[in-house]
Amino acid sequence: MTFVGAITFVISTYMILNNNYLYKVLSPFLDIFERSNIKEKRVATEKIKDHVVLIGVRRMGEGILEALKKDEKTKIVAVDFNPDIVESLKEDGIISFYGDIADEEIQELAQIDKAKLIISTISDLEDNMLLLKNIKNLKKKPKVVLLALEKHEARELYKEGADYVVIPHIAGGHHLAKLLVDDNRIELIEKYREKDMKDILS
C-alpha cells in the first residue's frame, strides 16, 4: 500500500476514536506484567522491515486494517491499548502489541525505525507529538499520517514533521477519498496538504 492509499483509507473510514486516558492511568501497573516477556515480544518483529505500523485498530482503524490486509505484500504491525483487540489480532496472525505508542519501548517493539509508513488513528495530541519527536531522531524516517481534531493541533503536528494530518471536519470524508484514485501519484499529498494548510492557517 502506498502513502496516498493510506491517506485514502484514513479519510474514507473516518470515525473519531475514543482517547486512551484509562490506559495512561493504569499503564504503570500494567507494565509490571508486560515487561516480563518483553524479549519474546521483540523476537516477533526483529526481522520485519518496510512494514506499516497501524496505531489504534478499534473503529476507524478496523477499516484501515481490512484495506491493508487486501494487499498480501503489505506487512502490518498493530499497536492498541485494548488487550482484547490485541489478542484477536494475534489470533488472525497479525503482529500486535498492547500499549501506548508514545512509550519508547512500544516504538522499539513495533520497529518504527524500519517501517515505511505509520498511520495513527489516535487523536491524542501529546502521544502524536512524542511519536514525531522520536521519529526525528531516526536515520530512516517513515511517512507519517496522523489524526487531529482541531486546526491548532494539526499546525503543531505539521510543525513537528507529520507528512499528512487528517482533520475530519476539513477532510470532508468520502468525497476526498474518491479523488485519490491513483496510489502512485505522491504529489497529490502535497496538493491536499497545501489546501488544508490554507484552512488551518485561516
N, C-alpha and C. Protein backbone atom coordinates (compact mmCIF):
# COMPACT_ATOMS: atom_id res chain seq x y z
N MET A 1 0.85 -1.20 0.00
CA MET A 1 0.00 0.00 0.00
C MET A 1 0.88 1.24 0.00
N THR A 2 0.53 2.22 -0.82
CA THR A 2 1.32 3.44 -0.91
C THR A 2 0.85 4.46 0.11
N PHE A 3 1.63 5.52 0.22
CA PHE A 3 1.32 6.60 1.16
C PHE A 3 -0.04 7.22 0.86
N VAL A 4 -0.29 7.49 -0.44
CA VAL A 4 -1.57 8.10 -0.83
C VAL A 4 -2.72 7.17 -0.51
N GLY A 5 -2.51 5.88 -0.74
CA GLY A 5 -3.56 4.91 -0.42
C GLY A 5 -3.90 4.93 1.05
N ALA A 6 -2.89 5.07 1.89
CA ALA A 6 -3.12 5.12 3.33
C ALA A 6 -3.96 6.33 3.71
N ILE A 7 -3.66 7.47 3.09
CA ILE A 7 -4.44 8.67 3.35
C ILE A 7 -5.90 8.42 2.99
N THR A 8 -6.11 7.77 1.86
CA THR A 8 -7.46 7.50 1.40
C THR A 8 -8.25 6.71 2.43
N PHE A 9 -7.64 5.67 2.97
CA PHE A 9 -8.36 4.82 3.91
C PHE A 9 -8.59 5.52 5.24
N VAL A 10 -7.64 6.34 5.66
CA VAL A 10 -7.84 7.07 6.91
C VAL A 10 -9.04 8.00 6.79
N ILE A 11 -9.11 8.70 5.66
CA ILE A 11 -10.19 9.67 5.48
C ILE A 11 -11.53 8.99 5.21
N SER A 12 -11.52 8.02 4.32
CA SER A 12 -12.79 7.42 3.90
C SER A 12 -13.44 6.58 4.98
N THR A 13 -12.66 6.14 5.97
CA THR A 13 -13.24 5.38 7.07
C THR A 13 -13.38 6.23 8.33
N TYR A 14 -13.46 7.53 8.13
CA TYR A 14 -13.47 8.49 9.24
C TYR A 14 -14.47 8.15 10.34
N MET A 15 -13.90 8.07 11.53
CA MET A 15 -14.71 7.98 12.75
C MET A 15 -13.77 8.30 13.90
N ILE A 16 -14.18 9.17 14.77
CA ILE A 16 -13.29 9.57 15.85
C ILE A 16 -13.15 8.46 16.88
N LEU A 17 -11.91 8.21 17.25
CA LEU A 17 -11.61 7.15 18.20
C LEU A 17 -11.62 7.71 19.62
N ASN A 18 -12.07 6.89 20.57
CA ASN A 18 -12.03 7.30 21.98
C ASN A 18 -10.58 7.44 22.41
N ASN A 19 -10.33 8.34 23.34
CA ASN A 19 -8.94 8.55 23.77
C ASN A 19 -8.49 7.43 24.70
N ASN A 20 -7.18 7.42 25.01
CA ASN A 20 -6.62 6.33 25.80
C ASN A 20 -6.27 6.78 27.21
N TYR A 21 -7.11 7.61 27.76
CA TYR A 21 -6.86 8.13 29.11
C TYR A 21 -6.74 7.00 30.12
N LEU A 22 -7.64 6.02 30.04
CA LEU A 22 -7.64 4.94 31.02
C LEU A 22 -6.34 4.16 30.97
N TYR A 23 -5.86 3.92 29.75
CA TYR A 23 -4.60 3.19 29.62
C TYR A 23 -3.46 3.94 30.30
N LYS A 24 -3.41 5.25 30.10
CA LYS A 24 -2.32 6.04 30.67
C LYS A 24 -2.34 5.98 32.20
N VAL A 25 -3.53 5.98 32.77
CA VAL A 25 -3.65 5.93 34.23
C VAL A 25 -3.16 4.59 34.76
N LEU A 26 -3.50 3.52 34.05
CA LEU A 26 -3.20 2.18 34.53
C LEU A 26 -1.86 1.63 34.07
N SER A 27 -1.25 2.26 33.08
CA SER A 27 -0.05 1.69 32.47
C SER A 27 1.10 1.40 33.44
N PRO A 28 1.34 2.23 34.48
CA PRO A 28 2.42 1.90 35.41
C PRO A 28 2.23 0.54 36.08
N PHE A 29 0.98 0.19 36.34
CA PHE A 29 0.69 -1.09 36.98
C PHE A 29 0.74 -2.23 35.96
N LEU A 30 0.29 -1.96 34.75
CA LEU A 30 0.27 -2.97 33.71
C LEU A 30 1.68 -3.32 33.27
N ASP A 31 2.59 -2.36 33.35
CA ASP A 31 3.97 -2.60 32.91
C ASP A 31 4.62 -3.73 33.68
N ILE A 32 4.21 -3.93 34.93
CA ILE A 32 4.78 -4.99 35.75
C ILE A 32 4.61 -6.34 35.06
N PHE A 33 3.44 -6.52 34.45
CA PHE A 33 3.16 -7.78 33.77
C PHE A 33 3.71 -7.80 32.35
N GLU A 34 3.71 -6.65 31.70
CA GLU A 34 4.12 -6.58 30.31
C GLU A 34 5.62 -6.79 30.12
N ARG A 35 6.42 -6.26 31.02
CA ARG A 35 7.86 -6.29 30.83
C ARG A 35 8.46 -7.67 31.03
N SER A 36 7.73 -8.57 31.68
CA SER A 36 8.25 -9.89 31.97
C SER A 36 8.55 -10.70 30.71
N ASN A 37 7.79 -10.49 29.65
CA ASN A 37 8.01 -11.26 28.42
C ASN A 37 8.42 -10.36 27.25
N ILE A 38 9.13 -9.28 27.56
CA ILE A 38 9.49 -8.31 26.55
C ILE A 38 10.43 -8.90 25.50
N LYS A 39 11.30 -9.83 25.90
CA LYS A 39 12.23 -10.44 24.96
C LYS A 39 11.48 -11.27 23.93
N GLU A 40 10.46 -11.98 24.38
CA GLU A 40 9.67 -12.80 23.46
C GLU A 40 8.96 -11.91 22.45
N LYS A 41 8.47 -10.77 22.90
CA LYS A 41 7.78 -9.85 22.00
C LYS A 41 8.73 -9.30 20.95
N ARG A 42 9.95 -9.00 21.36
CA ARG A 42 10.91 -8.39 20.45
C ARG A 42 11.26 -9.33 19.30
N VAL A 43 11.26 -10.63 19.59
CA VAL A 43 11.57 -11.63 18.56
C VAL A 43 10.57 -11.56 17.42
N ALA A 44 9.31 -11.22 17.73
CA ALA A 44 8.24 -11.22 16.73
C ALA A 44 8.50 -10.25 15.59
N THR A 45 9.22 -9.17 15.85
CA THR A 45 9.42 -8.16 14.81
C THR A 45 10.88 -7.91 14.45
N GLU A 46 11.79 -8.70 15.01
CA GLU A 46 13.20 -8.37 14.81
C GLU A 46 13.64 -8.49 13.34
N LYS A 47 12.91 -9.27 12.53
CA LYS A 47 13.29 -9.44 11.13
C LYS A 47 12.40 -8.65 10.18
N ILE A 48 11.43 -7.96 10.69
CA ILE A 48 10.49 -7.25 9.82
C ILE A 48 11.02 -5.87 9.44
N LYS A 49 10.72 -5.44 8.22
CA LYS A 49 11.10 -4.11 7.76
C LYS A 49 10.19 -3.70 6.61
N ASP A 50 10.20 -2.42 6.31
CA ASP A 50 9.33 -1.86 5.26
C ASP A 50 7.88 -2.23 5.49
N HIS A 51 7.46 -2.16 6.73
CA HIS A 51 6.11 -2.53 7.11
C HIS A 51 5.28 -1.28 7.41
N VAL A 52 4.00 -1.50 7.65
CA VAL A 52 3.09 -0.43 8.04
C VAL A 52 2.73 -0.61 9.51
N VAL A 53 2.92 0.43 10.29
CA VAL A 53 2.53 0.40 11.70
C VAL A 53 1.18 1.10 11.83
N LEU A 54 0.19 0.37 12.28
CA LEU A 54 -1.15 0.92 12.49
C LEU A 54 -1.39 1.11 13.98
N ILE A 55 -1.59 2.34 14.38
CA ILE A 55 -1.79 2.67 15.79
C ILE A 55 -3.26 2.97 16.03
N GLY A 56 -3.90 2.14 16.83
CA GLY A 56 -5.32 2.30 17.10
C GLY A 56 -6.15 1.54 16.09
N VAL A 57 -6.58 0.35 16.45
CA VAL A 57 -7.27 -0.52 15.50
C VAL A 57 -8.78 -0.46 15.64
N ARG A 58 -9.27 -0.06 16.78
CA ARG A 58 -10.71 -0.04 17.01
C ARG A 58 -11.39 1.02 16.14
N ARG A 59 -12.58 0.72 15.68
CA ARG A 59 -13.41 1.63 14.90
C ARG A 59 -12.74 2.04 13.59
N MET A 60 -12.23 3.26 13.51
CA MET A 60 -11.64 3.73 12.26
C MET A 60 -10.51 2.82 11.81
N GLY A 61 -9.73 2.36 12.75
CA GLY A 61 -8.60 1.51 12.41
C GLY A 61 -9.00 0.19 11.79
N GLU A 62 -10.20 -0.29 12.09
CA GLU A 62 -10.66 -1.55 11.53
C GLU A 62 -10.76 -1.48 10.02
N GLY A 63 -11.30 -0.38 9.53
CA GLY A 63 -11.42 -0.21 8.08
C GLY A 63 -10.06 -0.12 7.41
N ILE A 64 -9.14 0.57 8.06
CA ILE A 64 -7.79 0.70 7.52
C ILE A 64 -7.11 -0.66 7.50
N LEU A 65 -7.27 -1.40 8.59
CA LEU A 65 -6.66 -2.72 8.69
C LEU A 65 -7.15 -3.65 7.58
N GLU A 66 -8.45 -3.65 7.36
CA GLU A 66 -9.02 -4.51 6.32
C GLU A 66 -8.47 -4.13 4.95
N ALA A 67 -8.29 -2.84 4.72
CA ALA A 67 -7.73 -2.38 3.44
C ALA A 67 -6.27 -2.82 3.30
N LEU A 68 -5.52 -2.73 4.38
CA LEU A 68 -4.13 -3.14 4.35
C LEU A 68 -3.99 -4.64 4.09
N LYS A 69 -4.89 -5.41 4.67
CA LYS A 69 -4.83 -6.87 4.55
C LYS A 69 -5.11 -7.35 3.13
N LYS A 70 -5.77 -6.53 2.33
CA LYS A 70 -6.08 -6.93 0.96
C LYS A 70 -4.83 -7.05 0.10
N ASP A 71 -3.80 -6.32 0.50
CA ASP A 71 -2.53 -6.40 -0.21
C ASP A 71 -1.65 -7.41 0.52
N GLU A 72 -1.47 -8.58 -0.04
CA GLU A 72 -0.72 -9.65 0.62
C GLU A 72 0.74 -9.28 0.86
N LYS A 73 1.25 -8.34 0.09
CA LYS A 73 2.65 -7.94 0.23
C LYS A 73 2.86 -6.98 1.40
N THR A 74 1.78 -6.39 1.88
CA THR A 74 1.90 -5.41 2.96
C THR A 74 2.08 -6.11 4.31
N LYS A 75 3.17 -5.78 4.97
CA LYS A 75 3.42 -6.33 6.30
C LYS A 75 2.88 -5.33 7.33
N ILE A 76 2.14 -5.84 8.30
CA ILE A 76 1.44 -4.98 9.25
C ILE A 76 1.89 -5.26 10.68
N VAL A 77 2.10 -4.19 11.42
CA VAL A 77 2.31 -4.28 12.87
C VAL A 77 1.30 -3.35 13.51
N ALA A 78 0.48 -3.88 14.40
CA ALA A 78 -0.58 -3.09 15.03
C ALA A 78 -0.25 -2.80 16.49
N VAL A 79 -0.66 -1.61 16.93
CA VAL A 79 -0.50 -1.22 18.34
C VAL A 79 -1.84 -0.71 18.84
N ASP A 80 -2.30 -1.24 19.96
CA ASP A 80 -3.58 -0.81 20.51
C ASP A 80 -3.55 -0.94 22.03
N PHE A 81 -4.34 -0.12 22.70
CA PHE A 81 -4.37 -0.18 24.16
C PHE A 81 -5.56 -0.98 24.68
N ASN A 82 -6.21 -1.73 23.80
CA ASN A 82 -7.28 -2.63 24.20
C ASN A 82 -6.75 -4.06 24.09
N PRO A 83 -6.55 -4.74 25.22
CA PRO A 83 -5.95 -6.08 25.19
C PRO A 83 -6.78 -7.10 24.42
N ASP A 84 -8.09 -6.96 24.42
CA ASP A 84 -8.95 -7.89 23.68
C ASP A 84 -8.70 -7.77 22.18
N ILE A 85 -8.56 -6.53 21.71
CA ILE A 85 -8.28 -6.31 20.29
C ILE A 85 -6.93 -6.89 19.91
N VAL A 86 -5.95 -6.68 20.77
CA VAL A 86 -4.60 -7.19 20.50
C VAL A 86 -4.61 -8.71 20.40
N GLU A 87 -5.30 -9.37 21.33
CA GLU A 87 -5.37 -10.82 21.30
C GLU A 87 -6.08 -11.32 20.05
N SER A 88 -7.14 -10.63 19.66
CA SER A 88 -7.88 -11.01 18.46
C SER A 88 -7.01 -10.89 17.21
N LEU A 89 -6.22 -9.82 17.16
CA LEU A 89 -5.33 -9.62 16.02
C LEU A 89 -4.26 -10.71 15.96
N LYS A 90 -3.74 -11.07 17.11
CA LYS A 90 -2.73 -12.13 17.16
C LYS A 90 -3.30 -13.45 16.66
N GLU A 91 -4.55 -13.72 17.01
CA GLU A 91 -5.21 -14.94 16.55
C GLU A 91 -5.36 -14.95 15.03
N ASP A 92 -5.45 -13.75 14.45
CA ASP A 92 -5.56 -13.62 13.00
C ASP A 92 -4.19 -13.60 12.31
N GLY A 93 -3.14 -13.76 13.12
CA GLY A 93 -1.80 -13.81 12.55
C GLY A 93 -1.14 -12.47 12.33
N ILE A 94 -1.69 -11.43 12.94
CA ILE A 94 -1.12 -10.08 12.78
C ILE A 94 -0.24 -9.75 13.98
N ILE A 95 0.96 -9.31 13.72
CA ILE A 95 1.86 -8.92 14.81
C ILE A 95 1.25 -7.72 15.52
N SER A 96 1.00 -7.86 16.81
CA SER A 96 0.29 -6.82 17.55
C SER A 96 0.87 -6.64 18.94
N PHE A 97 0.81 -5.40 19.41
CA PHE A 97 1.32 -5.09 20.74
C PHE A 97 0.32 -4.25 21.52
N TYR A 98 0.23 -4.56 22.78
CA TYR A 98 -0.65 -3.81 23.68
C TYR A 98 0.15 -2.71 24.34
N GLY A 99 -0.28 -1.47 24.18
CA GLY A 99 0.42 -0.38 24.83
C GLY A 99 0.18 0.96 24.16
N ASP A 100 0.92 1.94 24.63
CA ASP A 100 0.82 3.32 24.16
C ASP A 100 1.99 3.60 23.23
N ILE A 101 1.73 4.05 22.02
CA ILE A 101 2.79 4.29 21.05
C ILE A 101 3.74 5.39 21.51
N ALA A 102 3.34 6.20 22.47
CA ALA A 102 4.24 7.23 23.00
C ALA A 102 5.35 6.60 23.84
N ASP A 103 5.15 5.36 24.24
CA ASP A 103 6.13 4.62 25.02
C ASP A 103 7.26 4.17 24.08
N GLU A 104 8.49 4.57 24.38
CA GLU A 104 9.62 4.25 23.50
C GLU A 104 9.82 2.75 23.38
N GLU A 105 9.48 2.01 24.41
CA GLU A 105 9.61 0.55 24.36
C GLU A 105 8.66 -0.04 23.32
N ILE A 106 7.45 0.50 23.26
CA ILE A 106 6.48 0.04 22.27
C ILE A 106 6.95 0.43 20.87
N GLN A 107 7.53 1.60 20.74
CA GLN A 107 8.06 2.03 19.44
C GLN A 107 9.16 1.08 18.98
N GLU A 108 9.98 0.65 19.92
CA GLU A 108 11.05 -0.28 19.59
C GLU A 108 10.48 -1.62 19.15
N LEU A 109 9.47 -2.10 19.86
CA LEU A 109 8.85 -3.37 19.51
C LEU A 109 8.20 -3.32 18.13
N ALA A 110 7.59 -2.18 17.82
CA ALA A 110 6.92 -2.02 16.53
C ALA A 110 7.91 -1.75 15.40
N GLN A 111 9.19 -1.59 15.76
CA GLN A 111 10.25 -1.35 14.78
C GLN A 111 9.94 -0.15 13.88
N ILE A 112 9.61 0.97 14.51
CA ILE A 112 9.27 2.15 13.71
C ILE A 112 10.47 2.65 12.90
N ASP A 113 11.67 2.28 13.33
CA ASP A 113 12.87 2.70 12.60
C ASP A 113 13.04 1.94 11.29
N LYS A 114 12.28 0.86 11.12
CA LYS A 114 12.36 0.07 9.89
C LYS A 114 11.07 0.15 9.08
N ALA A 115 10.07 0.86 9.61
CA ALA A 115 8.77 0.94 8.94
C ALA A 115 8.84 1.89 7.74
N LYS A 116 7.94 1.67 6.78
CA LYS A 116 7.84 2.60 5.64
C LYS A 116 6.70 3.59 5.84
N LEU A 117 5.75 3.23 6.69
CA LEU A 117 4.58 4.08 6.90
C LEU A 117 4.01 3.86 8.29
N ILE A 118 3.64 4.96 8.94
CA ILE A 118 2.98 4.89 10.24
C ILE A 118 1.64 5.61 10.12
N ILE A 119 0.58 4.92 10.49
CA ILE A 119 -0.76 5.50 10.47
C ILE A 119 -1.31 5.49 11.89
N SER A 120 -1.64 6.65 12.40
CA SER A 120 -2.21 6.74 13.75
C SER A 120 -3.64 7.25 13.68
N THR A 121 -4.56 6.46 14.21
CA THR A 121 -5.96 6.90 14.29
C THR A 121 -6.27 7.47 15.67
N ILE A 122 -5.22 7.64 16.47
CA ILE A 122 -5.37 8.21 17.81
C ILE A 122 -5.31 9.73 17.71
N SER A 123 -6.27 10.39 18.31
CA SER A 123 -6.33 11.86 18.21
C SER A 123 -5.63 12.55 19.38
N ASP A 124 -4.95 11.80 20.21
CA ASP A 124 -4.25 12.37 21.36
C ASP A 124 -3.04 13.16 20.88
N LEU A 125 -3.08 14.46 21.03
CA LEU A 125 -2.01 15.33 20.53
C LEU A 125 -0.68 15.02 21.20
N GLU A 126 -0.69 14.82 22.49
CA GLU A 126 0.55 14.57 23.23
C GLU A 126 1.25 13.31 22.72
N ASP A 127 0.49 12.25 22.55
CA ASP A 127 1.07 11.00 22.06
C ASP A 127 1.65 11.16 20.66
N ASN A 128 0.90 11.81 19.79
CA ASN A 128 1.37 12.00 18.42
C ASN A 128 2.60 12.89 18.35
N MET A 129 2.66 13.89 19.20
CA MET A 129 3.83 14.77 19.24
C MET A 129 5.07 14.01 19.71
N LEU A 130 4.91 13.18 20.72
CA LEU A 130 6.03 12.38 21.22
C LEU A 130 6.52 11.41 20.15
N LEU A 131 5.57 10.83 19.43
CA LEU A 131 5.93 9.92 18.35
C LEU A 131 6.76 10.64 17.29
N LEU A 132 6.31 11.81 16.88
CA LEU A 132 7.04 12.58 15.86
C LEU A 132 8.43 13.00 16.33
N LYS A 133 8.54 13.38 17.58
CA LYS A 133 9.84 13.79 18.12
C LYS A 133 10.84 12.63 18.07
N ASN A 134 10.36 11.43 18.37
CA ASN A 134 11.25 10.27 18.33
C ASN A 134 11.60 9.89 16.89
N ILE A 135 10.66 10.06 15.99
CA ILE A 135 10.92 9.74 14.58
C ILE A 135 11.98 10.67 14.00
N LYS A 136 12.04 11.90 14.48
CA LYS A 136 13.05 12.86 14.01
C LYS A 136 14.46 12.33 14.19
N ASN A 137 14.67 11.51 15.20
CA ASN A 137 16.00 11.01 15.52
C ASN A 137 16.38 9.75 14.74
N LEU A 138 15.46 9.25 13.92
CA LEU A 138 15.73 8.03 13.17
C LEU A 138 16.53 8.33 11.90
N LYS A 139 17.40 7.41 11.53
CA LYS A 139 18.15 7.56 10.28
C LYS A 139 17.23 7.41 9.09
N LYS A 140 16.37 6.40 9.16
CA LYS A 140 15.38 6.17 8.11
C LYS A 140 14.02 6.59 8.64
N LYS A 141 13.46 7.63 8.07
CA LYS A 141 12.20 8.18 8.59
C LYS A 141 11.02 7.68 7.76
N PRO A 142 10.05 7.03 8.39
CA PRO A 142 8.86 6.58 7.67
C PRO A 142 7.92 7.74 7.39
N LYS A 143 7.04 7.58 6.42
CA LYS A 143 5.97 8.54 6.21
C LYS A 143 5.00 8.41 7.38
N VAL A 144 4.43 9.54 7.81
CA VAL A 144 3.56 9.52 8.98
C VAL A 144 2.23 10.22 8.68
N VAL A 145 1.14 9.49 8.88
CA VAL A 145 -0.21 10.02 8.71
C VAL A 145 -0.88 10.03 10.08
N LEU A 146 -1.34 11.19 10.51
CA LEU A 146 -1.91 11.34 11.85
C LEU A 146 -3.32 11.92 11.79
N LEU A 147 -3.99 11.89 12.93
CA LEU A 147 -5.34 12.44 13.06
C LEU A 147 -5.33 13.57 14.07
N ALA A 148 -5.99 14.67 13.74
CA ALA A 148 -6.13 15.79 14.68
C ALA A 148 -7.58 16.24 14.68
N LEU A 149 -8.05 16.69 15.82
CA LEU A 149 -9.44 17.13 15.93
C LEU A 149 -9.61 18.62 15.67
N GLU A 150 -8.54 19.39 15.88
CA GLU A 150 -8.63 20.84 15.74
C GLU A 150 -7.50 21.37 14.86
N LYS A 151 -7.72 22.54 14.28
CA LYS A 151 -6.73 23.15 13.40
C LYS A 151 -5.41 23.42 14.10
N HIS A 152 -5.49 23.94 15.31
CA HIS A 152 -4.25 24.29 16.01
C HIS A 152 -3.42 23.04 16.31
N GLU A 153 -4.09 21.90 16.53
CA GLU A 153 -3.37 20.65 16.75
C GLU A 153 -2.67 20.20 15.47
N ALA A 154 -3.37 20.35 14.35
CA ALA A 154 -2.77 19.99 13.06
C ALA A 154 -1.54 20.84 12.77
N ARG A 155 -1.62 22.12 13.10
CA ARG A 155 -0.47 23.02 12.88
C ARG A 155 0.74 22.53 13.67
N GLU A 156 0.51 22.13 14.90
CA GLU A 156 1.61 21.65 15.74
C GLU A 156 2.20 20.36 15.18
N LEU A 157 1.35 19.47 14.70
CA LEU A 157 1.82 18.20 14.16
C LEU A 157 2.61 18.40 12.87
N TYR A 158 2.13 19.30 12.02
CA TYR A 158 2.88 19.60 10.79
C TYR A 158 4.23 20.23 11.13
N LYS A 159 4.22 21.12 12.09
CA LYS A 159 5.47 21.78 12.50
C LYS A 159 6.48 20.77 13.03
N GLU A 160 5.97 19.72 13.66
CA GLU A 160 6.83 18.70 14.25
C GLU A 160 7.29 17.67 13.21
N GLY A 161 6.70 17.74 12.00
CA GLY A 161 7.20 16.87 10.94
C GLY A 161 6.23 15.86 10.35
N ALA A 162 4.95 15.93 10.70
CA ALA A 162 3.97 14.99 10.13
C ALA A 162 3.89 15.17 8.62
N ASP A 163 3.75 14.08 7.89
CA ASP A 163 3.63 14.16 6.43
C ASP A 163 2.21 14.54 6.03
N TYR A 164 1.23 14.05 6.75
CA TYR A 164 -0.16 14.44 6.48
C TYR A 164 -0.97 14.28 7.76
N VAL A 165 -1.84 15.25 7.99
CA VAL A 165 -2.72 15.22 9.17
C VAL A 165 -4.16 15.28 8.69
N VAL A 166 -4.93 14.29 9.06
CA VAL A 166 -6.34 14.25 8.71
C VAL A 166 -7.13 15.03 9.75
N ILE A 167 -7.85 16.04 9.30
CA ILE A 167 -8.75 16.80 10.18
C ILE A 167 -10.16 16.52 9.68
N PRO A 168 -10.92 15.72 10.39
CA PRO A 168 -12.22 15.24 9.90
C PRO A 168 -13.13 16.30 9.32
N HIS A 169 -13.32 17.42 10.00
CA HIS A 169 -14.28 18.40 9.51
C HIS A 169 -13.75 19.20 8.31
N ILE A 170 -12.44 19.08 8.04
CA ILE A 170 -11.86 19.71 6.85
C ILE A 170 -11.78 18.70 5.71
N ALA A 171 -11.43 17.49 6.05
CA ALA A 171 -11.24 16.46 5.03
C ALA A 171 -12.51 16.19 4.24
N GLY A 172 -13.64 16.23 4.89
CA GLY A 172 -14.88 16.04 4.17
C GLY A 172 -15.22 14.60 3.86
N GLY A 173 -14.49 13.64 4.46
CA GLY A 173 -14.88 12.24 4.34
C GLY A 173 -14.74 11.64 2.97
N HIS A 174 -15.80 11.01 2.52
CA HIS A 174 -15.74 10.16 1.34
C HIS A 174 -15.40 10.91 0.05
N HIS A 175 -15.81 12.16 -0.09
CA HIS A 175 -15.59 12.84 -1.37
C HIS A 175 -14.11 13.02 -1.66
N LEU A 176 -13.31 13.23 -0.61
CA LEU A 176 -11.87 13.37 -0.82
C LEU A 176 -11.26 12.02 -1.17
N ALA A 177 -11.76 10.98 -0.55
CA ALA A 177 -11.24 9.64 -0.84
C ALA A 177 -11.43 9.30 -2.32
N LYS A 178 -12.55 9.73 -2.89
CA LYS A 178 -12.82 9.45 -4.30
C LYS A 178 -11.83 10.14 -5.23
N LEU A 179 -11.28 11.25 -4.77
CA LEU A 179 -10.33 11.99 -5.60
C LEU A 179 -8.96 11.31 -5.64
N LEU A 180 -8.68 10.54 -4.61
CA LEU A 180 -7.37 9.90 -4.52
C LEU A 180 -7.41 8.55 -5.22
N VAL A 181 -7.51 8.58 -6.52
CA VAL A 181 -7.71 7.34 -7.28
C VAL A 181 -6.41 6.69 -7.72
N ASP A 182 -5.33 7.45 -7.73
CA ASP A 182 -4.06 6.91 -8.22
C ASP A 182 -3.06 6.86 -7.08
N ASP A 183 -2.83 5.65 -6.56
CA ASP A 183 -1.95 5.49 -5.41
C ASP A 183 -0.49 5.85 -5.72
N ASN A 184 -0.13 5.91 -6.98
CA ASN A 184 1.26 6.16 -7.33
C ASN A 184 1.60 7.64 -7.46
N ARG A 185 0.60 8.49 -7.37
CA ARG A 185 0.85 9.92 -7.55
C ARG A 185 1.06 10.59 -6.19
N ILE A 186 2.25 10.50 -5.70
CA ILE A 186 2.56 11.03 -4.38
C ILE A 186 2.39 12.53 -4.31
N GLU A 187 2.46 13.19 -5.47
CA GLU A 187 2.31 14.65 -5.48
C GLU A 187 0.92 15.08 -5.04
N LEU A 188 -0.05 14.18 -5.11
CA LEU A 188 -1.40 14.52 -4.65
C LEU A 188 -1.40 14.90 -3.18
N ILE A 189 -0.54 14.26 -2.42
CA ILE A 189 -0.46 14.55 -1.00
C ILE A 189 -0.07 16.00 -0.77
N GLU A 190 0.90 16.46 -1.53
CA GLU A 190 1.37 17.84 -1.38
C GLU A 190 0.27 18.83 -1.72
N LYS A 191 -0.53 18.50 -2.74
CA LYS A 191 -1.62 19.39 -3.13
C LYS A 191 -2.67 19.48 -2.03
N TYR A 192 -3.03 18.34 -1.46
CA TYR A 192 -4.03 18.35 -0.41
C TYR A 192 -3.49 18.97 0.87
N ARG A 193 -2.20 18.77 1.08
CA ARG A 193 -1.59 19.40 2.25
C ARG A 193 -1.64 20.92 2.11
N GLU A 194 -1.30 21.43 0.93
CA GLU A 194 -1.34 22.88 0.69
C GLU A 194 -2.75 23.42 0.89
N LYS A 195 -3.72 22.69 0.39
CA LYS A 195 -5.11 23.11 0.52
C LYS A 195 -5.52 23.14 1.99
N ASP A 196 -5.18 22.08 2.71
CA ASP A 196 -5.54 22.01 4.13
C ASP A 196 -4.85 23.10 4.94
N MET A 197 -3.58 23.37 4.59
CA MET A 197 -2.83 24.38 5.34
C MET A 197 -3.48 25.75 5.22
N LYS A 198 -4.07 26.05 4.07
CA LYS A 198 -4.77 27.32 3.92
C LYS A 198 -5.93 27.42 4.90
N ASP A 199 -6.64 26.31 5.07
CA ASP A 199 -7.76 26.29 6.02
C ASP A 199 -7.27 26.36 7.46
N ILE A 200 -6.18 25.64 7.72
CA ILE A 200 -5.64 25.61 9.08
C ILE A 200 -5.15 26.97 9.53
N LEU A 201 -4.50 27.68 8.61
CA LEU A 201 -3.91 28.98 8.95
C LEU A 201 -4.91 30.13 8.89
N SER A 202 -6.10 29.87 8.40
CA SER A 202 -7.09 30.94 8.27
C SER A 202 -7.75 31.25 9.61
